[in-house]
Structure formats: C-alpha cells, structure tokens
Amino acid sequence: MAELEYRDTNELPAHLRAVFLDPNAQRWRVAALVIHRDRDTGRETGRVAFLRRADPGGGTEWEISVDELYETAEVEL
C-alpha cells in the first residue's frame, strides 16, 4: 500500500497554482495535491491533483493525475 503525502496549495510550485483550462475552456485550480510514495523505498510513484472550478460559484471538483493534467490542460495566461 502506498503512503500519501498531502501538500497545502500555498506550498505548491507556481506552475501548479495557475488556472488551467480544460478542452472545453472551463477554468480549474488545484485544490489539493496528493503524492503517492512506495512504503518500502519512499520513492514517489505518482501524483494526483484535485481540481476545483475557478469560476465564481463553481463547486465542482475533479481528480486527475498530474501527468494527465499537463498533457490535456492548458495554463491560462
């Protein structure tokens, strides 16, 4: 079983604090980041971002691997 490490969004690197646009042009922010680590070796095995709608009143949440986030979403400039 993996160990989980949670990061406060204020501690995230700037590129993860950006607003992301999905293919439908909906705006999302990273609400939480979970880092999966192998219990025996301590090596990182994956990262999952929990996203929340960045638009006012948008309470929808979405879970996505960080790799997939980089592949499918664009950073809003």
PDB file of N, CA and C in Angstrom:
ATOM      1  N   MET A   1       0.840  -1.182   0.000  1.00  0.00           N
ATOM      2  CA  MET A   1       0.000   0.000   0.000  1.00  0.00           C
ATOM      3  C   MET A   1       0.885   1.245   0.000  1.00  0.00           C
ATOM      4  N   ALA A   2       0.472   2.242  -0.731  1.00  0.00           N
ATOM      5  CA  ALA A   2       1.255   3.472  -0.848  1.00  0.00           C
ATOM      6  C   ALA A   2       1.017   4.389   0.341  1.00  0.00           C
ATOM      7  N   GLU A   3       2.030   5.171   0.657  1.00  0.00           N
ATOM      8  CA  GLU A   3       1.865   6.234   1.633  1.00  0.00           C
ATOM      9  C   GLU A   3       1.458   7.485   0.874  1.00  0.00           C
ATOM     10  N   LEU A   4       0.651   8.308   1.499  1.00  0.00           N
ATOM     11  CA  LEU A   4       0.173   9.523   0.852  1.00  0.00           C
ATOM     12  C   LEU A   4       0.751  10.737   1.548  1.00  0.00           C
ATOM     13  N   GLU A   5       1.141  11.707   0.774  1.00  0.00           N
ATOM     14  CA  GLU A   5       1.665  12.967   1.298  1.00  0.00           C
ATOM     15  C   GLU A   5       0.786  14.075   0.729  1.00  0.00           C
ATOM     16  N   TYR A   6       0.222  14.874   1.592  1.00  0.00           N
ATOM     17  CA  TYR A   6      -0.655  15.955   1.151  1.00  0.00           C
ATOM     18  C   TYR A   6       0.104  17.266   1.196  1.00  0.00           C
ATOM     19  N   ARG A   7      -0.092  18.086   0.202  1.00  0.00           N
ATOM     20  CA  ARG A   7       0.563  19.389   0.150  1.00  0.00           C
ATOM     21  C   ARG A   7      -0.479  20.491   0.226  1.00  0.00           C
ATOM     22  N   ASP A   8      -0.224  21.474   1.059  1.00  0.00           N
ATOM     23  CA  ASP A   8      -1.064  22.664   1.096  1.00  0.00           C
ATOM     24  C   ASP A   8      -0.883  23.406  -0.218  1.00  0.00           C
ATOM     25  N   THR A   9      -1.957  23.942  -0.759  1.00  0.00           N
ATOM     26  CA  THR A   9      -1.847  24.609  -2.062  1.00  0.00           C
ATOM     27  C   THR A   9      -0.928  25.818  -2.012  1.00  0.00           C
ATOM     28  N   ASN A  10      -0.731  26.426  -0.848  1.00  0.00           N
ATOM     29  CA  ASN A  10       0.192  27.561  -0.743  1.00  0.00           C
ATOM     30  C   ASN A  10       1.644  27.121  -0.908  1.00  0.00           C
ATOM     31  N   GLU A  11       1.920  25.832  -0.704  1.00  0.00           N
ATOM     32  CA  GLU A  11       3.278  25.306  -0.830  1.00  0.00           C
ATOM     33  C   GLU A  11       3.581  24.789  -2.231  1.00  0.00           C
ATOM     34  N   LEU A  12       2.598  24.810  -3.115  1.00  0.00           N
ATOM     35  CA  LEU A  12       2.800  24.275  -4.463  1.00  0.00           C
ATOM     36  C   LEU A  12       3.679  25.196  -5.285  1.00  0.00           C
ATOM     37  N   PRO A  13       4.430  24.633  -6.226  1.00  0.00           N
ATOM     38  CA  PRO A  13       5.195  25.472  -7.149  1.00  0.00           C
ATOM     39  C   PRO A  13       4.241  26.357  -7.955  1.00  0.00           C
ATOM     40  N   ALA A  14       4.742  27.470  -8.432  1.00  0.00           N
ATOM     41  CA  ALA A  14       3.901  28.446  -9.140  1.00  0.00           C
ATOM     42  C   ALA A  14       3.150  27.824 -10.312  1.00  0.00           C
ATOM     43  N   HIS A  15       3.790  26.907 -11.044  1.00  0.00           N
ATOM     44  CA  HIS A  15       3.110  26.332 -12.209  1.00  0.00           C
ATOM     45  C   HIS A  15       1.898  25.488 -11.829  1.00  0.00           C
ATOM     46  N   LEU A  16       1.800  25.025 -10.583  1.00  0.00           N
ATOM     47  CA  LEU A  16       0.613  24.292 -10.142  1.00  0.00           C
ATOM     48  C   LEU A  16      -0.419  25.203  -9.481  1.00  0.00           C
ATOM     49  N   ARG A  17      -0.054  26.451  -9.207  1.00  0.00           N
ATOM     50  CA  ARG A  17      -1.022  27.407  -8.656  1.00  0.00           C
ATOM     51  C   ARG A  17      -1.733  28.176  -9.767  1.00  0.00           C
ATOM     52  N   ALA A  18      -1.412  27.873 -11.002  1.00  0.00           N
ATOM     53  CA  ALA A  18      -2.012  28.553 -12.151  1.00  0.00           C
ATOM     54  C   ALA A  18      -3.464  28.115 -12.328  1.00  0.00           C
ATOM     55  N   VAL A  19      -4.165  28.828 -13.193  1.00  0.00           N
ATOM     56  CA  VAL A  19      -5.502  28.416 -13.613  1.00  0.00           C
ATOM     57  C   VAL A  19      -5.332  27.584 -14.877  1.00  0.00           C
ATOM     58  N   PHE A  20      -5.934  26.407 -14.877  1.00  0.00           N
ATOM     59  CA  PHE A  20      -5.845  25.503 -16.018  1.00  0.00           C
ATOM     60  C   PHE A  20      -7.143  25.539 -16.806  1.00  0.00           C
ATOM     61  N   LEU A  21      -7.030  25.452 -18.112  1.00  0.00           N
ATOM     62  CA  LEU A  21      -8.197  25.369 -18.988  1.00  0.00           C
ATOM     63  C   LEU A  21      -8.303  23.948 -19.514  1.00  0.00           C
ATOM     64  N   ASP A  22      -9.482  23.341 -19.366  1.00  0.00           N
ATOM     65  CA  ASP A  22      -9.671  22.009 -19.934  1.00  0.00           C
ATOM     66  C   ASP A  22     -10.057  22.148 -21.410  1.00  0.00           C
ATOM     67  N   PRO A  23     -10.200  21.047 -22.126  1.00  0.00           N
ATOM     68  CA  PRO A  23     -10.525  21.134 -23.557  1.00  0.00           C
ATOM     69  C   PRO A  23     -11.833  21.871 -23.860  1.00  0.00           C
ATOM     70  N   ASN A  24     -12.715  22.009 -22.863  1.00  0.00           N
ATOM     71  CA  ASN A  24     -13.977  22.740 -23.043  1.00  0.00           C
ATOM     72  C   ASN A  24     -13.877  24.187 -22.577  1.00  0.00           C
ATOM     73  N   ALA A  25     -12.669  24.654 -22.297  1.00  0.00           N
ATOM     74  CA  ALA A  25     -12.384  26.019 -21.839  1.00  0.00           C
ATOM     75  C   ALA A  25     -12.960  26.320 -20.460  1.00  0.00           C
ATOM     76  N   GLN A  26     -13.218  25.294 -19.658  1.00  0.00           N
ATOM     77  CA  GLN A  26     -13.605  25.520 -18.268  1.00  0.00           C
ATOM     78  C   GLN A  26     -12.332  25.770 -17.468  1.00  0.00           C
ATOM     79  N   ARG A  27     -12.426  26.650 -16.477  1.00  0.00           N
ATOM     80  CA  ARG A  27     -11.262  27.066 -15.695  1.00  0.00           C
ATOM     81  C   ARG A  27     -11.202  26.276 -14.389  1.00  0.00           C
ATOM     82  N   TRP A  28      -9.994  25.783 -14.041  1.00  0.00           N
ATOM     83  CA  TRP A  28      -9.786  24.954 -12.851  1.00  0.00           C
ATOM     84  C   TRP A  28      -8.544  25.413 -12.096  1.00  0.00           C
ATOM     85  N   ARG A  29      -8.574  25.243 -10.781  1.00  0.00           N
ATOM     86  CA  ARG A  29      -7.406  25.472  -9.922  1.00  0.00           C
ATOM     87  C   ARG A  29      -7.139  24.195  -9.136  1.00  0.00           C
ATOM     88  N   VAL A  30      -5.874  23.968  -8.822  1.00  0.00           N
ATOM     89  CA  VAL A  30      -5.516  22.825  -7.983  1.00  0.00           C
ATOM     90  C   VAL A  30      -5.947  23.146  -6.555  1.00  0.00           C
ATOM     91  N   ALA A  31      -6.813  22.293  -6.000  1.00  0.00           N
ATOM     92  CA  ALA A  31      -7.289  22.467  -4.631  1.00  0.00           C
ATOM     93  C   ALA A  31      -6.439  21.661  -3.650  1.00  0.00           C
ATOM     94  N   ALA A  32      -5.866  20.564  -4.126  1.00  0.00           N
ATOM     95  CA  ALA A  32      -5.019  19.718  -3.285  1.00  0.00           C
ATOM     96  C   ALA A  32      -4.136  18.865  -4.183  1.00  0.00           C
ATOM     97  N   LEU A  33      -3.007  18.497  -3.658  1.00  0.00           N
ATOM     98  CA  LEU A  33      -2.078  17.620  -4.370  1.00  0.00           C
ATOM     99  C   LEU A  33      -1.740  16.456  -3.450  1.00  0.00           C
ATOM    100  N   VAL A  34      -1.885  15.251  -3.953  1.00  0.00           N
ATOM    101  CA  VAL A  34      -1.551  14.055  -3.184  1.00  0.00           C
ATOM    102  C   VAL A  34      -0.385  13.368  -3.881  1.00  0.00           C
ATOM    103  N   ILE A  35       0.669  13.098  -3.127  1.00  0.00           N
ATOM    104  CA  ILE A  35       1.850  12.423  -3.658  1.00  0.00           C
ATOM    105  C   ILE A  35       1.852  10.999  -3.116  1.00  0.00           C
ATOM    106  N   HIS A  36       1.849  10.039  -4.018  1.00  0.00           N
ATOM    107  CA  HIS A  36       1.884   8.630  -3.642  1.00  0.00           C
ATOM    108  C   HIS A  36       3.343   8.192  -3.566  1.00  0.00           C
ATOM    109  N   ARG A  37       3.699   7.524  -2.460  1.00  0.00           N
ATOM    110  CA  ARG A  37       5.064   7.026  -2.275  1.00  0.00           C
ATOM    111  C   ARG A  37       5.023   5.544  -1.920  1.00  0.00           C
ATOM    112  N   ASP A  38       6.007   4.816  -2.404  1.00  0.00           N
ATOM    113  CA  ASP A  38       6.156   3.415  -2.051  1.00  0.00           C
ATOM    114  C   ASP A  38       6.558   3.341  -0.582  1.00  0.00           C
ATOM    115  N   ARG A  39       5.854   2.553   0.180  1.00  0.00           N
ATOM    116  CA  ARG A  39       6.110   2.473   1.619  1.00  0.00           C
ATOM    117  C   ARG A  39       7.496   1.921   1.926  1.00  0.00           C
ATOM    118  N   ASP A  40       7.984   0.988   1.123  1.00  0.00           N
ATOM    119  CA  ASP A  40       9.278   0.354   1.398  1.00  0.00           C
ATOM    120  C   ASP A  40      10.458   1.223   0.995  1.00  0.00           C
ATOM    121  N   THR A  41      10.368   1.861  -0.168  1.00  0.00           N
ATOM    122  CA  THR A  41      11.512   2.615  -0.686  1.00  0.00           C
ATOM    123  C   THR A  41      11.401   4.116  -0.468  1.00  0.00           C
ATOM    124  N   GLY A  42      10.187   4.611  -0.254  1.00  0.00           N
ATOM    125  CA  GLY A  42       9.992   6.050  -0.117  1.00  0.00           C
ATOM    126  C   GLY A  42       9.978   6.785  -1.445  1.00  0.00           C
ATOM    127  N   ARG A  43      10.130   6.042  -2.530  1.00  0.00           N
ATOM    128  CA  ARG A  43      10.136   6.677  -3.854  1.00  0.00           C
ATOM    129  C   ARG A  43       8.732   7.117  -4.253  1.00  0.00           C
ATOM    130  N   GLU A  44       8.695   8.236  -4.944  1.00  0.00           N
ATOM    131  CA  GLU A  44       7.423   8.741  -5.444  1.00  0.00           C
ATOM    132  C   GLU A  44       6.928   7.834  -6.562  1.00  0.00           C
ATOM    133  N   THR A  45       5.654   7.454  -6.488  1.00  0.00           N
ATOM    134  CA  THR A  45       5.080   6.577  -7.512  1.00  0.00           C
ATOM    135  C   THR A  45       4.001   7.268  -8.334  1.00  0.00           C
ATOM    136  N   GLY A  46       3.595   8.455  -7.932  1.00  0.00           N
ATOM    137  CA  GLY A  46       2.589   9.181  -8.706  1.00  0.00           C
ATOM    138  C   GLY A  46       2.088  10.393  -7.954  1.00  0.00           C
ATOM    139  N   ARG A  47       1.464  11.289  -8.701  1.00  0.00           N
ATOM    140  CA  ARG A  47       0.865  12.486  -8.111  1.00  0.00           C
ATOM    141  C   ARG A  47      -0.540  12.651  -8.664  1.00  0.00           C
ATOM    142  N   VAL A  48      -1.461  12.996  -7.783  1.00  0.00           N
ATOM    143  CA  VAL A  48      -2.842  13.238  -8.181  1.00  0.00           C
ATOM    144  C   VAL A  48      -3.214  14.644  -7.745  1.00  0.00           C
ATOM    145  N   ALA A  49      -3.781  15.398  -8.669  1.00  0.00           N
ATOM    146  CA  ALA A  49      -4.260  16.744  -8.361  1.00  0.00           C
ATOM    147  C   ALA A  49      -5.776  16.698  -8.221  1.00  0.00           C
ATOM    148  N   PHE A  50      -6.281  17.363  -7.204  1.00  0.00           N
ATOM    149  CA  PHE A  50      -7.718  17.544  -7.054  1.00  0.00           C
ATOM    150  C   PHE A  50      -8.001  18.976  -7.474  1.00  0.00           C
ATOM    151  N   LEU A  51      -8.806  19.111  -8.502  1.00  0.00           N
ATOM    152  CA  LEU A  51      -9.082  20.426  -9.075  1.00  0.00           C
ATOM    153  C   LEU A  51     -10.458  20.908  -8.649  1.00  0.00           C
ATOM    154  N   ARG A  52     -10.597  22.219  -8.543  1.00  0.00           N
ATOM    155  CA  ARG A  52     -11.879  22.855  -8.240  1.00  0.00           C
ATOM    156  C   ARG A  52     -12.111  23.931  -9.281  1.00  0.00           C
ATOM    157  N   ARG A  53     -13.356  24.095  -9.697  1.00  0.00           N
ATOM    158  CA  ARG A  53     -13.687  25.111 -10.688  1.00  0.00           C
ATOM    159  C   ARG A  53     -13.197  26.472 -10.213  1.00  0.00           C
ATOM    160  N   ALA A  54     -12.560  27.217 -11.103  1.00  0.00           N
ATOM    161  CA  ALA A  54     -12.022  28.534 -10.764  1.00  0.00           C
ATOM    162  C   ALA A  54     -13.047  29.636 -11.001  1.00  0.00           C
ATOM    163  N   ASP A  55     -14.131  29.313 -11.695  1.00  0.00           N
ATOM    164  CA  ASP A  55     -15.166  30.311 -11.958  1.00  0.00           C
ATOM    165  C   ASP A  55     -15.976  30.563 -10.697  1.00  0.00           C
ATOM    166  N   PRO A  56     -16.483  31.789 -10.508  1.00  0.00           N
ATOM    167  CA  PRO A  56     -17.295  32.087  -9.327  1.00  0.00           C
ATOM    168  C   PRO A  56     -18.486  31.133  -9.229  1.00  0.00           C
ATOM    169  N   GLY A  57     -18.678  30.610  -8.048  1.00  0.00           N
ATOM    170  CA  GLY A  57     -19.816  29.730  -7.810  1.00  0.00           C
ATOM    171  C   GLY A  57     -19.623  28.310  -8.304  1.00  0.00           C
ATOM    172  N   GLY A  58     -18.478  28.013  -8.873  1.00  0.00           N
ATOM    173  CA  GLY A  58     -18.249  26.661  -9.394  1.00  0.00           C
ATOM    174  C   GLY A  58     -17.725  25.753  -8.311  1.00  0.00           C
ATOM    175  N   GLY A  59     -18.554  24.857  -7.815  1.00  0.00           N
ATOM    176  CA  GLY A  59     -18.142  23.980  -6.734  1.00  0.00           C
ATOM    177  C   GLY A  59     -17.719  22.597  -7.187  1.00  0.00           C
ATOM    178  N   THR A  60     -17.738  22.351  -8.476  1.00  0.00           N
ATOM    179  CA  THR A  60     -17.407  21.035  -8.998  1.00  0.00           C
ATOM    180  C   THR A  60     -15.944  20.710  -8.722  1.00  0.00           C
ATOM    181  N   GLU A  61     -15.676  19.449  -8.382  1.00  0.00           N
ATOM    182  CA  GLU A  61     -14.297  19.013  -8.182  1.00  0.00           C
ATOM    183  C   GLU A  61     -13.971  17.892  -9.150  1.00  0.00           C
ATOM    184  N   TRP A  62     -12.685  17.743  -9.427  1.00  0.00           N
ATOM    185  CA  TRP A  62     -12.217  16.793 -10.428  1.00  0.00           C
ATOM    186  C   TRP A  62     -10.882  16.252  -9.965  1.00  0.00           C
ATOM    187  N   GLU A  63     -10.685  14.955 -10.099  1.00  0.00           N
ATOM    188  CA  GLU A  63      -9.425  14.302  -9.728  1.00  0.00           C
ATOM    189  C   GLU A  63      -8.720  13.864 -11.005  1.00  0.00           C
ATOM    190  N   ILE A  64      -7.424  14.160 -11.104  1.00  0.00           N
ATOM    191  CA  ILE A  64      -6.671  13.835 -12.314  1.00  0.00           C
ATOM    192  C   ILE A  64      -5.202  13.641 -11.944  1.00  0.00           C
ATOM    193  N   SER A  65      -4.534  12.730 -12.626  1.00  0.00           N
ATOM    194  CA  SER A  65      -3.099  12.585 -12.376  1.00  0.00           C
ATOM    195  C   SER A  65      -2.400  13.851 -12.882  1.00  0.00           C
ATOM    196  N   VAL A  66      -1.326  14.236 -12.227  1.00  0.00           N
ATOM    197  CA  VAL A  66      -0.613  15.452 -12.622  1.00  0.00           C
ATOM    198  C   VAL A  66      -0.070  15.304 -14.041  1.00  0.00           C
ATOM    199  N   ASP A  67       0.405  14.121 -14.404  1.00  0.00           N
ATOM    200  CA  ASP A  67       0.892  13.908 -15.772  1.00  0.00           C
ATOM    201  C   ASP A  67      -0.217  14.157 -16.786  1.00  0.00           C
ATOM    202  N   GLU A  68      -1.409  13.627 -16.513  1.00  0.00           N
ATOM    203  CA  GLU A  68      -2.538  13.827 -17.427  1.00  0.00           C
ATOM    204  C   GLU A  68      -2.961  15.296 -17.460  1.00  0.00           C
ATOM    205  N   LEU A  69      -2.879  15.968 -16.330  1.00  0.00           N
ATOM    206  CA  LEU A  69      -3.203  17.393 -16.286  1.00  0.00           C
ATOM    207  C   LEU A  69      -2.309  18.164 -17.242  1.00  0.00           C
ATOM    208  N   TYR A  70      -1.014  17.883 -17.198  1.00  0.00           N
ATOM    209  CA  TYR A  70      -0.080  18.576 -18.095  1.00  0.00           C
ATOM    210  C   TYR A  70      -0.325  18.232 -19.562  1.00  0.00           C
ATOM    211  N   GLU A  71      -0.770  16.997 -19.825  1.00  0.00           N
ATOM    212  CA  GLU A  71      -0.999  16.573 -21.206  1.00  0.00           C
ATOM    213  C   GLU A  71      -2.279  17.147 -21.798  1.00  0.00           C
ATOM    214  N   THR A  72      -3.320  17.336 -20.980  1.00  0.00           N
ATOM    215  CA  THR A  72      -4.633  17.687 -21.523  1.00  0.00           C
ATOM    216  C   THR A  72      -5.078  19.116 -21.268  1.00  0.00           C
ATOM    217  N   ALA A  73      -4.513  19.774 -20.280  1.00  0.00           N
ATOM    218  CA  ALA A  73      -4.976  21.119 -19.928  1.00  0.00           C
ATOM    219  C   ALA A  73      -3.955  22.162 -20.353  1.00  0.00           C
ATOM    220  N   GLU A  74      -4.437  23.356 -20.573  1.00  0.00           N
ATOM    221  CA  GLU A  74      -3.570  24.483 -20.888  1.00  0.00           C
ATOM    222  C   GLU A  74      -3.556  25.432 -19.701  1.00  0.00           C
ATOM    223  N   VAL A  75      -2.430  26.093 -19.490  1.00  0.00           N
ATOM    224  CA  VAL A  75      -2.338  27.095 -18.432  1.00  0.00           C
ATOM    225  C   VAL A  75      -2.887  28.398 -18.978  1.00  0.00           C
ATOM    226  N   GLU A  76      -3.793  29.004 -18.214  1.00  0.00           N
ATOM    227  CA  GLU A  76      -4.368  30.280 -18.635  1.00  0.00           C
ATOM    228  C   GLU A  76      -3.320  31.372 -18.465  1.00  0.00           C
ATOM    229  N   LEU A  77      -3.099  32.135 -19.493  1.00  0.00           N
ATOM    230  CA  LEU A  77      -2.102  33.214 -19.445  1.00  0.00           C
ATOM    231  C   LEU A  77      -2.737  34.532 -19.087  1.00  0.00           C
TER     232      LEU A  77
END
